[in-house]
Amino acid sequence: TAIRDKTQIEIYTAALKNKFAGILNITAAEAGRAINGEFGEDST
């Protein structure tokens, strides 16, 4: 926002937000699989 206000360069586009959302989704999914490995049906 600071960059946009001073330069009119729009960085936080929908495409970048989707990229960030994808990173969060993968992070949570991988952590969830680890949880399942400890407590769920995949647990050994």
Full PDB file with SEQRES, HELIX, SHEET, SSBOND, CRYST1, ORIGX, SCALE, CONECT and MASTER records, all heavy atoms in Angstrom:
SEQRES   1 A   44  THR ALA ILE ARG ASP LYS THR GLN ILE GLU ILE TYR THR          
SEQRES   2 A   44  ALA ALA LEU LYS ASN LYS PHE ALA GLY ILE LEU ASN ILE          
SEQRES   3 A   44  THR ALA ALA GLU ALA GLY ARG ALA ILE ASN GLY GLU PHE          
SEQRES   4 A   44  GLY GLU ASP SER THR                                          
HELIX    1 AA1 ALA A    2  THR A    7  1                                   6    
HELIX    2 AA2 ALA A   14  PHE A   39  1                                  26    
CRYST1    1.000    1.000    1.000  90.00  90.00  90.00 P 1           1          
ORIGX1      1.000000  0.000000  0.000000        0.00000                         
ORIGX2      0.000000  1.000000  0.000000        0.00000                         
ORIGX3      0.000000  0.000000  1.000000        0.00000                         
SCALE1      1.000000  0.000000  0.000000        0.00000                         
SCALE2      0.000000  1.000000  0.000000        0.00000                         
SCALE3      0.000000  0.000000  1.000000        0.00000                         
ATOM      1  N   THR A   1       0.835  -1.203   0.000  1.00  0.00           N  
ATOM      2  CA  THR A   1       0.000   0.000   0.000  1.00  0.00           C  
ATOM      3  C   THR A   1       0.867   1.249   0.000  1.00  0.00           C  
ATOM      4  O   THR A   1       0.580   2.222  -0.712  1.00  0.00           O  
ATOM      5  CB  THR A   1      -0.928   0.002   1.234  1.00  0.00           C  
ATOM      6  OG1 THR A   1      -1.804  -1.131   1.171  1.00  0.00           O  
ATOM      7  CG2 THR A   1      -1.760   1.270   1.282  1.00  0.00           C  
ATOM      8  N   ALA A   2       1.944   1.238   0.777  1.00  0.00           N  
ATOM      9  CA  ALA A   2       2.851   2.380   0.822  1.00  0.00           C  
ATOM     10  C   ALA A   2       3.481   2.634  -0.545  1.00  0.00           C  
ATOM     11  O   ALA A   2       3.591   3.789  -0.993  1.00  0.00           O  
ATOM     12  CB  ALA A   2       3.935   2.153   1.870  1.00  0.00           C  
ATOM     13  N   ILE A   3       3.891   1.551  -1.215  1.00  0.00           N  
ATOM     14  CA  ILE A   3       4.473   1.707  -2.556  1.00  0.00           C  
ATOM     15  C   ILE A   3       3.442   2.279  -3.521  1.00  0.00           C  
ATOM     16  O   ILE A   3       3.730   3.198  -4.305  1.00  0.00           O  
ATOM     17  CB  ILE A   3       5.002   0.352  -3.066  1.00  0.00           C  
ATOM     18  CG1 ILE A   3       6.210  -0.098  -2.247  1.00  0.00           C  
ATOM     19  CG2 ILE A   3       5.385   0.449  -4.551  1.00  0.00           C  
ATOM     20  CD1 ILE A   3       6.707  -1.490  -2.584  1.00  0.00           C  
ATOM     21  N   ARG A   4       2.228   1.738  -3.467  1.00  0.00           N  
ATOM     22  CA  ARG A   4       1.170   2.217  -4.376  1.00  0.00           C  
ATOM     23  C   ARG A   4       0.870   3.697  -4.140  1.00  0.00           C  
ATOM     24  O   ARG A   4       0.706   4.469  -5.094  1.00  0.00           O  
ATOM     25  CB  ARG A   4      -0.098   1.407  -4.155  1.00  0.00           C  
ATOM     26  CG  ARG A   4      -1.248   1.784  -5.088  1.00  0.00           C  
ATOM     27  CD  ARG A   4      -2.546   1.208  -4.599  1.00  0.00           C  
ATOM     28  NE  ARG A   4      -2.897   1.775  -3.299  1.00  0.00           N  
ATOM     29  CZ  ARG A   4      -3.751   1.218  -2.461  1.00  0.00           C  
ATOM     30  NH1 ARG A   4      -4.322   0.060  -2.739  1.00  0.00           N  
ATOM     31  NH2 ARG A   4      -4.023   1.806  -1.300  1.00  0.00           N  
ATOM     32  N   ASP A   5       0.813   4.098  -2.871  1.00  0.00           N  
ATOM     33  CA  ASP A   5       0.471   5.489  -2.565  1.00  0.00           C  
ATOM     34  C   ASP A   5       1.529   6.463  -3.053  1.00  0.00           C  
ATOM     35  O   ASP A   5       1.223   7.603  -3.418  1.00  0.00           O  
ATOM     36  CB  ASP A   5       0.271   5.651  -1.051  1.00  0.00           C  
ATOM     37  CG  ASP A   5      -0.982   4.947  -0.553  1.00  0.00           C  
ATOM     38  OD1 ASP A   5      -1.827   4.558  -1.393  1.00  0.00           O  
ATOM     39  OD2 ASP A   5      -1.111   4.775   0.681  1.00  0.00           O  
ATOM     40  N   LYS A   6       2.798   6.010  -3.060  1.00  0.00           N  
ATOM     41  CA  LYS A   6       3.886   6.913  -3.443  1.00  0.00           C  
ATOM     42  C   LYS A   6       4.270   6.814  -4.922  1.00  0.00           C  
ATOM     43  O   LYS A   6       4.852   7.748  -5.465  1.00  0.00           O  
ATOM     44  CB  LYS A   6       5.134   6.606  -2.591  1.00  0.00           C  
ATOM     45  CG  LYS A   6       4.967   6.890  -1.110  1.00  0.00           C  
ATOM     46  CD  LYS A   6       4.853   8.380  -0.823  1.00  0.00           C  
ATOM     47  CE  LYS A   6       4.833   8.650   0.665  1.00  0.00           C  
ATOM     48  NZ  LYS A   6       4.756  10.102   0.970  1.00  0.00           N  
ATOM     49  N   THR A   7       3.956   5.690  -5.550  1.00  0.00           N  
ATOM     50  CA  THR A   7       4.428   5.475  -6.926  1.00  0.00           C  
ATOM     51  C   THR A   7       3.327   5.119  -7.914  1.00  0.00           C  
ATOM     52  O   THR A   7       3.580   5.088  -9.125  1.00  0.00           O  
ATOM     53  CB  THR A   7       5.457   4.334  -6.957  1.00  0.00           C  
ATOM     54  OG1 THR A   7       4.789   3.097  -6.652  1.00  0.00           O  
ATOM     55  CG2 THR A   7       6.579   4.565  -5.958  1.00  0.00           C  
ATOM     56  N   GLN A   8       2.140   4.813  -7.427  1.00  0.00           N  
ATOM     57  CA  GLN A   8       1.026   4.328  -8.250  1.00  0.00           C  
ATOM     58  C   GLN A   8       1.276   2.938  -8.835  1.00  0.00           C  
ATOM     59  O   GLN A   8       0.576   2.510  -9.750  1.00  0.00           O  
ATOM     60  CB  GLN A   8       0.729   5.317  -9.402  1.00  0.00           C  
ATOM     61  CG  GLN A   8       0.469   6.747  -8.950  1.00  0.00           C  
ATOM     62  CD  GLN A   8      -0.648   6.828  -7.911  1.00  0.00           C  
ATOM     63  OE1 GLN A   8      -1.735   6.313  -8.135  1.00  0.00           O  
ATOM     64  NE2 GLN A   8      -0.366   7.474  -6.792  1.00  0.00           N  
ATOM     65  N   ILE A   9       2.267   2.229  -8.316  1.00  0.00           N  
ATOM     66  CA  ILE A   9       2.532   0.857  -8.756  1.00  0.00           C  
ATOM     67  C   ILE A   9       1.657  -0.081  -7.933  1.00  0.00           C  
ATOM     68  O   ILE A   9       1.786  -0.143  -6.708  1.00  0.00           O  
ATOM     69  CB  ILE A   9       4.016   0.477  -8.575  1.00  0.00           C  
ATOM     70  CG1 ILE A   9       4.918   1.425  -9.366  1.00  0.00           C  
ATOM     71  CG2 ILE A   9       4.261  -0.966  -9.007  1.00  0.00           C  
ATOM     72  CD1 ILE A   9       6.402   1.245  -9.053  1.00  0.00           C  
ATOM     73  N   GLU A  10       0.769  -0.804  -8.590  1.00  0.00           N  
ATOM     74  CA  GLU A  10      -0.112  -1.744  -7.901  1.00  0.00           C  
ATOM     75  C   GLU A  10       0.539  -3.118  -7.886  1.00  0.00           C  
ATOM     76  O   GLU A  10       0.663  -3.767  -8.927  1.00  0.00           O  
ATOM     77  CB  GLU A  10      -1.466  -1.820  -8.607  1.00  0.00           C  
ATOM     78  CG  GLU A  10      -2.479  -2.712  -7.902  1.00  0.00           C  
ATOM     79  CD  GLU A  10      -2.782  -2.238  -6.485  1.00  0.00           C  
ATOM     80  OE1 GLU A  10      -3.424  -1.180  -6.325  1.00  0.00           O  
ATOM     81  OE2 GLU A  10      -2.349  -2.942  -5.543  1.00  0.00           O  
ATOM     82  N   ILE A  11       0.972  -3.550  -6.715  1.00  0.00           N  
ATOM     83  CA  ILE A  11       1.664  -4.826  -6.584  1.00  0.00           C  
ATOM     84  C   ILE A  11       0.720  -5.917  -6.099  1.00  0.00           C  
ATOM     85  O   ILE A  11       0.761  -7.052  -6.577  1.00  0.00           O  
ATOM     86  CB  ILE A  11       2.863  -4.697  -5.622  1.00  0.00           C  
ATOM     87  CG1 ILE A  11       3.872  -3.685  -6.175  1.00  0.00           C  
ATOM     88  CG2 ILE A  11       3.547  -6.048  -5.420  1.00  0.00           C  
ATOM     89  CD1 ILE A  11       5.022  -3.383  -5.242  1.00  0.00           C  
ATOM     90  N   TYR A  12      -0.151  -5.573  -5.152  1.00  0.00           N  
ATOM     91  CA  TYR A  12      -1.002  -6.592  -4.536  1.00  0.00           C  
ATOM     92  C   TYR A  12      -2.215  -6.874  -5.423  1.00  0.00           C  
ATOM     93  O   TYR A  12      -3.348  -6.568  -5.083  1.00  0.00           O  
ATOM     94  CB  TYR A  12      -1.440  -6.132  -3.155  1.00  0.00           C  
ATOM     95  CG  TYR A  12      -1.565  -7.261  -2.142  1.00  0.00           C  
ATOM     96  CD1 TYR A  12      -1.199  -8.562  -2.452  1.00  0.00           C  
ATOM     97  CD2 TYR A  12      -2.014  -7.018  -0.856  1.00  0.00           C  
ATOM     98  CE1 TYR A  12      -1.287  -9.578  -1.525  1.00  0.00           C  
ATOM     99  CE2 TYR A  12      -2.111  -8.023   0.085  1.00  0.00           C  
ATOM    100  CZ  TYR A  12      -1.750  -9.315  -0.268  1.00  0.00           C  
ATOM    101  OH  TYR A  12      -1.850 -10.318   0.655  1.00  0.00           O  
ATOM    102  N   THR A  13      -1.947  -7.491  -6.544  1.00  0.00           N  
ATOM    103  CA  THR A  13      -2.989  -7.825  -7.511  1.00  0.00           C  
ATOM    104  C   THR A  13      -3.704  -9.110  -7.089  1.00  0.00           C  
ATOM    105  O   THR A  13      -3.258  -9.845  -6.210  1.00  0.00           O  
ATOM    106  CB  THR A  13      -2.368  -8.035  -8.895  1.00  0.00           C  
ATOM    107  OG1 THR A  13      -1.420  -9.121  -8.813  1.00  0.00           O  
ATOM    108  CG2 THR A  13      -1.653  -6.775  -9.371  1.00  0.00           C  
ATOM    109  N   ALA A  14      -4.820  -9.407  -7.765  1.00  0.00           N  
ATOM    110  CA  ALA A  14      -5.547 -10.653  -7.493  1.00  0.00           C  
ATOM    111  C   ALA A  14      -4.654 -11.856  -7.748  1.00  0.00           C  
ATOM    112  O   ALA A  14      -4.711 -12.857  -7.018  1.00  0.00           O  
ATOM    113  CB  ALA A  14      -6.803 -10.717  -8.360  1.00  0.00           C  
ATOM    114  N   ALA A  15      -3.815 -11.771  -8.770  1.00  0.00           N  
ATOM    115  CA  ALA A  15      -2.923 -12.891  -9.097  1.00  0.00           C  
ATOM    116  C   ALA A  15      -1.956 -13.168  -7.949  1.00  0.00           C  
ATOM    117  O   ALA A  15      -1.705 -14.328  -7.592  1.00  0.00           O  
ATOM    118  CB  ALA A  15      -2.152 -12.602 -10.376  1.00  0.00           C  
ATOM    119  N   LEU A  16      -1.397 -12.107  -7.355  1.00  0.00           N  
ATOM    120  CA  LEU A  16      -0.454 -12.308  -6.247  1.00  0.00           C  
ATOM    121  C   LEU A  16      -1.183 -12.798  -5.001  1.00  0.00           C  
ATOM    122  O   LEU A  16      -0.673 -13.656  -4.273  1.00  0.00           O  
ATOM    123  CB  LEU A  16       0.304 -11.015  -5.951  1.00  0.00           C  
ATOM    124  CG  LEU A  16       1.420 -11.136  -4.901  1.00  0.00           C  
ATOM    125  CD1 LEU A  16       2.430 -12.210  -5.285  1.00  0.00           C  
ATOM    126  CD2 LEU A  16       2.121  -9.799  -4.698  1.00  0.00           C  
ATOM    127  N   LYS A  17      -2.383 -12.286  -4.758  1.00  0.00           N  
ATOM    128  CA  LYS A  17      -3.170 -12.770  -3.614  1.00  0.00           C  
ATOM    129  C   LYS A  17      -3.477 -14.251  -3.777  1.00  0.00           C  
ATOM    130  O   LYS A  17      -3.412 -15.023  -2.809  1.00  0.00           O  
ATOM    131  CB  LYS A  17      -4.458 -11.969  -3.481  1.00  0.00           C  
ATOM    132  CG  LYS A  17      -4.240 -10.543  -3.005  1.00  0.00           C  
ATOM    133  CD  LYS A  17      -5.548  -9.795  -2.898  1.00  0.00           C  
ATOM    134  CE  LYS A  17      -5.327  -8.357  -2.438  1.00  0.00           C  
ATOM    135  NZ  LYS A  17      -6.588  -7.601  -2.351  1.00  0.00           N  
ATOM    136  N   ASN A  18      -3.795 -14.672  -5.005  1.00  0.00           N  
ATOM    137  CA  ASN A  18      -4.033 -16.098  -5.240  1.00  0.00           C  
ATOM    138  C   ASN A  18      -2.773 -16.922  -5.008  1.00  0.00           C  
ATOM    139  O   ASN A  18      -2.834 -18.048  -4.503  1.00  0.00           O  
ATOM    140  CB  ASN A  18      -4.546 -16.315  -6.667  1.00  0.00           C  
ATOM    141  CG  ASN A  18      -6.000 -15.929  -6.831  1.00  0.00           C  
ATOM    142  OD1 ASN A  18      -6.792 -16.031  -5.896  1.00  0.00           O  
ATOM    143  ND2 ASN A  18      -6.369 -15.477  -8.020  1.00  0.00           N  
ATOM    144  N   LYS A  19      -1.630 -16.352  -5.383  1.00  0.00           N  
ATOM    145  CA  LYS A  19      -0.358 -17.044  -5.149  1.00  0.00           C  
ATOM    146  C   LYS A  19      -0.125 -17.221  -3.659  1.00  0.00           C  
ATOM    147  O   LYS A  19       0.255 -18.314  -3.193  1.00  0.00           O  
ATOM    148  CB  LYS A  19       0.790 -16.258  -5.774  1.00  0.00           C  
ATOM    149  CG  LYS A  19       2.138 -16.960  -5.715  1.00  0.00           C  
ATOM    150  CD  LYS A  19       3.185 -16.171  -6.484  1.00  0.00           C  
ATOM    151  CE  LYS A  19       4.514 -16.918  -6.525  1.00  0.00           C  
ATOM    152  NZ  LYS A  19       5.522 -16.176  -7.320  1.00  0.00           N  
ATOM    153  N   PHE A  20      -0.353 -16.179  -2.880  1.00  0.00           N  
ATOM    154  CA  PHE A  20      -0.206 -16.266  -1.432  1.00  0.00           C  
ATOM    155  C   PHE A  20      -1.202 -17.279  -0.860  1.00  0.00           C  
ATOM    156  O   PHE A  20      -0.861 -18.065   0.035  1.00  0.00           O  
ATOM    157  CB  PHE A  20      -0.428 -14.899  -0.789  1.00  0.00           C  
ATOM    158  CG  PHE A  20       0.714 -13.931  -0.977  1.00  0.00           C  
ATOM    159  CD1 PHE A  20       0.614 -12.618  -0.535  1.00  0.00           C  
ATOM    160  CD2 PHE A  20       1.896 -14.322  -1.590  1.00  0.00           C  
ATOM    161  CE1 PHE A  20       1.655 -11.717  -0.692  1.00  0.00           C  
ATOM    162  CE2 PHE A  20       2.953 -13.419  -1.761  1.00  0.00           C  
ATOM    163  CZ  PHE A  20       2.824 -12.122  -1.314  1.00  0.00           C  
ATOM    164  N   ALA A  21      -2.438 -17.230  -1.345  1.00  0.00           N  
ATOM    165  CA  ALA A  21      -3.458 -18.171  -0.869  1.00  0.00           C  
ATOM    166  C   ALA A  21      -3.035 -19.607  -1.147  1.00  0.00           C  
ATOM    167  O   ALA A  21      -3.242 -20.503  -0.318  1.00  0.00           O  
ATOM    168  CB  ALA A  21      -4.803 -17.877  -1.528  1.00  0.00           C  
ATOM    169  N   GLY A  22      -2.428 -19.834  -2.305  1.00  0.00           N  
ATOM    170  CA  GLY A  22      -1.952 -21.172  -2.641  1.00  0.00           C  
ATOM    171  C   GLY A  22      -0.858 -21.637  -1.701  1.00  0.00           C  
ATOM    172  O   GLY A  22      -0.815 -22.812  -1.306  1.00  0.00           O  
ATOM    173  N   ILE A  23       0.035 -20.726  -1.317  1.00  0.00           N  
ATOM    174  CA  ILE A  23       1.103 -21.074  -0.371  1.00  0.00           C  
ATOM    175  C   ILE A  23       0.505 -21.453   0.978  1.00  0.00           C  
ATOM    176  O   ILE A  23       0.904 -22.450   1.599  1.00  0.00           O  
ATOM    177  CB  ILE A  23       2.089 -19.904  -0.230  1.00  0.00           C  
ATOM    178  CG1 ILE A  23       2.867 -19.687  -1.538  1.00  0.00           C  
ATOM    179  CG2 ILE A  23       3.069 -20.151   0.925  1.00  0.00           C  
ATOM    180  CD1 ILE A  23       3.701 -18.422  -1.562  1.00  0.00           C  
ATOM    181  N   LEU A  24      -0.465 -20.681   1.440  1.00  0.00           N  
ATOM    182  CA  LEU A  24      -1.108 -20.986   2.730  1.00  0.00           C  
ATOM    183  C   LEU A  24      -1.849 -22.315   2.662  1.00  0.00           C  
ATOM    184  O   LEU A  24      -1.815 -23.104   3.617  1.00  0.00           O  
ATOM    185  CB  LEU A  24      -2.083 -19.873   3.106  1.00  0.00           C  
ATOM    186  CG  LEU A  24      -1.502 -18.488   3.378  1.00  0.00           C  
ATOM    187  CD1 LEU A  24      -2.613 -17.540   3.824  1.00  0.00           C  
ATOM    188  CD2 LEU A  24      -0.405 -18.537   4.430  1.00  0.00           C  
ATOM    189  N   ASN A  25      -2.528 -22.556   1.552  1.00  0.00           N  
ATOM    190  CA  ASN A  25      -3.277 -23.804   1.393  1.00  0.00           C  
ATOM    191  C   ASN A  25      -2.349 -25.015   1.445  1.00  0.00           C  
ATOM    192  O   ASN A  25      -2.621 -26.000   2.148  1.00  0.00           O  
ATOM    193  CB  ASN A  25      -4.042 -23.772   0.072  1.00  0.00           C  
ATOM    194  CG  ASN A  25      -4.817 -25.050  -0.166  1.00  0.00           C  
ATOM    195  OD1 ASN A  25      -5.600 -25.498   0.671  1.00  0.00           O  
ATOM    196  ND2 ASN A  25      -4.605 -25.663  -1.323  1.00  0.00           N  
ATOM    197  N   ILE A  26      -1.251 -24.947   0.715  1.00  0.00           N  
ATOM    198  CA  ILE A  26      -0.289 -26.058   0.706  1.00  0.00           C  
ATOM    199  C   ILE A  26       0.315 -26.245   2.099  1.00  0.00           C  
ATOM    200  O   ILE A  26       0.484 -27.371   2.579  1.00  0.00           O  
ATOM    201  CB  ILE A  26       0.806 -25.803  -0.339  1.00  0.00           C  
ATOM    202  CG1 ILE A  26       0.224 -25.913  -1.755  1.00  0.00           C  
ATOM    203  CG2 ILE A  26       1.960 -26.790  -0.169  1.00  0.00           C  
ATOM    204  CD1 ILE A  26       1.173 -25.487  -2.848  1.00  0.00           C  
ATOM    205  N   THR A  27       0.643 -25.131   2.757  1.00  0.00           N  
ATOM    206  CA  THR A  27       1.216 -25.204   4.102  1.00  0.00           C  
ATOM    207  C   THR A  27       0.275 -25.916   5.060  1.00  0.00           C  
ATOM    208  O   THR A  27       0.674 -26.829   5.798  1.00  0.00           O  
ATOM    209  CB  THR A  27       1.514 -23.788   4.623  1.00  0.00           C  
ATOM    210  OG1 THR A  27       2.494 -23.177   3.774  1.00  0.00           O  
ATOM    211  CG2 THR A  27       2.031 -23.822   6.054  1.00  0.00           C  
ATOM    212  N   ALA A  28      -0.990 -25.495   5.064  1.00  0.00           N  
ATOM    213  CA  ALA A  28      -1.966 -26.096   5.973  1.00  0.00           C  
ATOM    214  C   ALA A  28      -2.222 -27.556   5.623  1.00  0.00           C  
ATOM    215  O   ALA A  28      -2.370 -28.401   6.509  1.00  0.00           O  
ATOM    216  CB  ALA A  28      -3.267 -25.301   5.937  1.00  0.00           C  
ATOM    217  N   ALA A  29      -2.264 -27.870   4.318  1.00  0.00           N  
ATOM    218  CA  ALA A  29      -2.514 -29.252   3.893  1.00  0.00           C  
ATOM    219  C   ALA A  29      -1.370 -30.163   4.313  1.00  0.00           C  
ATOM    220  O   ALA A  29      -1.597 -31.283   4.804  1.00  0.00           O  
ATOM    221  CB  ALA A  29      -2.714 -29.301   2.384  1.00  0.00           C  
ATOM    222  N   GLU A  30      -0.128 -29.702   4.137  1.00  0.00           N  
ATOM    223  CA  GLU A  30       1.021 -30.523   4.521  1.00  0.00           C  
ATOM    224  C   GLU A  30       1.096 -30.685   6.037  1.00  0.00           C  
ATOM    225  O   GLU A  30       1.406 -31.773   6.543  1.00  0.00           O  
ATOM    226  CB  GLU A  30       2.299 -29.906   3.969  1.00  0.00           C  
ATOM    227  CG  GLU A  30       2.399 -30.000   2.450  1.00  0.00           C  
ATOM    228  CD  GLU A  30       3.691 -29.428   1.904  1.00  0.00           C  
ATOM    229  OE1 GLU A  30       4.482 -28.861   2.691  1.00  0.00           O  
ATOM    230  OE2 GLU A  30       3.911 -29.545   0.681  1.00  0.00           O  
ATOM    231  N   ALA A  31       0.808 -29.612   6.755  1.00  0.00           N  
ATOM    232  CA  ALA A  31       0.790 -29.714   8.215  1.00  0.00           C  
ATOM    233  C   ALA A  31      -0.340 -30.640   8.655  1.00  0.00           C  
ATOM    234  O   ALA A  31      -0.185 -31.419   9.610  1.00  0.00           O  
ATOM    235  CB  ALA A  31       0.618 -28.335   8.837  1.00  0.00           C  
ATOM    236  N   GLY A  32      -1.472 -30.575   7.959  1.00  0.00           N  
ATOM    237  CA  GLY A  32      -2.587 -31.453   8.275  1.00  0.00           C  
ATOM    238  C   GLY A  32      -2.250 -32.916   8.068  1.00  0.00           C  
ATOM    239  O   GLY A  32      -2.658 -33.776   8.856  1.00  0.00           O  
ATOM    240  N   ARG A  33      -1.487 -33.199   7.018  1.00  0.00           N  
ATOM    241  CA  ARG A  33      -1.068 -34.592   6.792  1.00  0.00           C  
ATOM    242  C   ARG A  33      -0.144 -35.060   7.915  1.00  0.00           C  
ATOM    243  O   ARG A  33      -0.181 -36.228   8.320  1.00  0.00           O  
ATOM    244  CB  ARG A  33      -0.382 -34.723   5.435  1.00  0.00           C  
ATOM    245  CG  ARG A  33      -1.362 -34.714   4.263  1.00  0.00           C  
ATOM    246  CD  ARG A  33      -0.695 -35.176   2.987  1.00  0.00           C  
ATOM    247  NE  ARG A  33       0.221 -34.196   2.449  1.00  0.00           N  
ATOM    248  CZ  ARG A  33      -0.136 -33.218   1.626  1.00  0.00           C  
ATOM    249  NH1 ARG A  33      -1.403 -33.091   1.257  1.00  0.00           N  
ATOM    250  NH2 ARG A  33       0.753 -32.374   1.158  1.00  0.00           N  
ATOM    251  N   ALA A  34       0.677 -34.150   8.424  1.00  0.00           N  
ATOM    252  CA  ALA A  34       1.546 -34.511   9.549  1.00  0.00           C  
ATOM    253  C   ALA A  34       0.710 -34.795  10.796  1.00  0.00           C  
ATOM    254  O   ALA A  34       0.990 -35.729  11.547  1.00  0.00           O  
ATOM    255  CB  ALA A  34       2.538 -33.379   9.827  1.00  0.00           C  
ATOM    256  N   ILE A  35      -0.324 -33.993  10.995  1.00  0.00           N  
ATOM    257  CA  ILE A  35      -1.221 -34.227  12.126  1.00  0.00           C  
ATOM    258  C   ILE A  35      -1.906 -35.576  11.978  1.00  0.00           C  
ATOM    259  O   ILE A  35      -2.021 -36.357  12.928  1.00  0.00           O  
ATOM    260  CB  ILE A  35      -2.269 -33.098  12.217  1.00  0.00           C  
ATOM    261  CG1 ILE A  35      -1.593 -31.778  12.579  1.00  0.00           C  
ATOM    262  CG2 ILE A  35      -3.347 -33.435  13.235  1.00  0.00           C  
ATOM    263  CD1 ILE A  35      -2.489 -30.569  12.457  1.00  0.00           C  
ATOM    264  N   ASN A  36      -2.351 -35.872  10.757  1.00  0.00           N  
ATOM    265  CA  ASN A  36      -3.014 -37.152  10.504  1.00  0.00           C  
ATOM    266  C   ASN A  36      -2.055 -38.311  10.759  1.00  0.00           C  
ATOM    267  O   ASN A  36      -2.450 -39.375  11.225  1.00  0.00           O  
ATOM    268  CB  ASN A  36      -3.533 -37.195   9.068  1.00  0.00           C  
ATOM    269  CG  ASN A  36      -4.459 -38.371   8.826  1.00  0.00           C  
ATOM    270  OD1 ASN A  36      -5.337 -38.641   9.636  1.00  0.00           O  
ATOM    271  ND2 ASN A  36      -4.269 -39.061   7.725  1.00  0.00           N  
ATOM    272  N   GLY A  37      -0.777 -38.097  10.453  1.00  0.00           N  
ATOM    273  CA  GLY A  37       0.210 -39.138  10.698  1.00  0.00           C  
ATOM    274  C   GLY A  37       0.404 -39.418  12.173  1.00  0.00           C  
ATOM    275  O   GLY A  37       0.770 -40.529  12.564  1.00  0.00           O  
ATOM    276  N   GLU A  38       0.149 -38.402  13.013  1.00  0.00           N  
ATOM    277  CA  GLU A  38       0.316 -38.571  14.449  1.00  0.00           C  
ATOM    278  C   GLU A  38      -0.947 -39.069  15.140  1.00  0.00           C  
ATOM    279  O   GLU A  38      -0.874 -39.824  16.107  1.00  0.00           O  
ATOM    280  CB  GLU A  38       0.731 -37.235  15.078  1.00  0.00           C  
ATOM    281  CG  GLU A  38       2.108 -36.761  14.643  1.00  0.00           C  
ATOM    282  CD  GLU A  38       2.438 -35.376  15.193  1.00  0.00           C  
ATOM    283  OE1 GLU A  38       1.677 -34.890  16.062  1.00  0.00           O  
ATOM    284  OE2 GLU A  38       3.429 -34.781  14.756  1.00  0.00           O  
ATOM    285  N   PHE A  39      -2.113 -38.631  14.628  1.00  0.00           N  
ATOM    286  CA  PHE A  39      -3.340 -38.893  15.363  1.00  0.00           C  
ATOM    287  C   PHE A  39      -4.438 -39.583  14.552  1.00  0.00           C  
ATOM    288  O   PHE A  39      -5.368 -40.131  15.110  1.00  0.00           O  
ATOM    289  CB  PHE A  39      -3.927 -37.582  15.907  1.00  0.00           C  
ATOM    290  CG  PHE A  39      -3.102 -36.975  16.981  1.00  0.00           C  
ATOM    291  CD1 PHE A  39      -2.146 -36.021  16.677  1.00  0.00           C  
ATOM    292  CD2 PHE A  39      -3.268 -37.350  18.289  1.00  0.00           C  
ATOM    293  CE1 PHE A  39      -1.377 -35.443  17.677  1.00  0.00           C  
ATOM    294  CE2 PHE A  39      -2.501 -36.787  19.293  1.00  0.00           C  
ATOM    295  CZ  PHE A  39      -1.550 -35.831  18.987  1.00  0.00           C  
ATOM    296  N   GLY A  40      -4.355 -39.511  13.239  1.00  0.00           N  
ATOM    297  CA  GLY A  40      -5.466 -39.986  12.436  1.00  0.00           C  
ATOM    298  C   GLY A  40      -5.304 -41.393  11.927  1.00  0.00           C  
ATOM    299  O   GLY A  40      -4.530 -42.198  12.449  1.00  0.00           O  
ATOM    300  N   GLU A  41      -6.026 -41.692  10.858  1.00  0.00           N  
ATOM    301  CA  GLU A  41      -6.037 -43.046  10.332  1.00  0.00           C  
ATOM    302  C   GLU A  41      -4.687 -43.470   9.767  1.00  0.00           C  
ATOM    303  O   GLU A  41      -4.413 -44.651   9.635  1.00  0.00           O  
ATOM    304  CB  GLU A  41      -7.122 -43.176   9.261  1.00  0.00           C  
ATOM    305  CG  GLU A  41      -8.537 -43.020   9.823  1.00  0.00           C  
ATOM    306  CD  GLU A  41      -9.586 -43.280   8.768  1.00  0.00           C  
ATOM    307  OE1 GLU A  41      -9.192 -43.482   7.594  1.00  0.00           O  
ATOM    308  OE2 GLU A  41     -10.768 -43.295   9.098  1.00  0.00           O  
ATOM    309  N   ASP A  42      -3.859 -42.506   9.406  1.00  0.00           N  
ATOM    310  CA  ASP A  42      -2.547 -42.835   8.852  1.00  0.00           C  
ATOM    311  C   ASP A  42      -1.502 -43.097   9.936  1.00  0.00           C  
ATOM    312  O   ASP A  42      -0.359 -43.410   9.642  1.00  0.00           O  
ATOM    313  CB  ASP A  42      -2.043 -41.691   7.962  1.00  0.00           C  
ATOM    314  CG  ASP A  42      -2.924 -41.482   6.751  1.00  0.00           C  
ATOM    315  OD1 ASP A  42      -3.665 -42.417   6.409  1.00  0.00           O  
ATOM    316  OD2 ASP A  42      -2.873 -40.399   6.160  1.00  0.00           O  
ATOM    317  N   SER A  43      -1.901 -42.923  11.188  1.00  0.00           N  
ATOM    318  CA  SER A  43      -0.934 -43.014  12.273  1.00  0.00           C  
ATOM    319  C   SER A  43      -0.372 -44.423  12.415  1.00  0.00           C  
ATOM    320  O   SER A  43      -1.080 -45.408  12.309  1.00  0.00           O  
ATOM    321  CB  SER A  43      -1.592 -42.592  13.589  1.00  0.00           C  
ATOM    322  OG  SER A  43      -0.712 -42.819  14.661  1.00  0.00           O  
ATOM    323  N   THR A  44       0.921 -44.490  12.664  1.00  0.00           N  
ATOM    324  CA  THR A  44       1.567 -45.779  12.953  1.00  0.00           C  
ATOM    325  C   THR A  44       1.885 -45.899  14.439  1.00  0.00           C  
ATOM    326  O   THR A  44       2.430 -46.895  14.881  1.00  0.00           O  
ATOM    327  CB  THR A  44       2.875 -45.910  12.151  1.00  0.00           C  
ATOM    328  OG1 THR A  44       3.742 -44.837  12.511  1.00  0.00           O  
ATOM    329  CG2 THR A  44       2.611 -45.891  10.663  1.00  0.00           C  
TER     330      THR A  44                                                      
MASTER        0    0    0    2    0    0    0    6  329    1    0    4          
END                                                                             
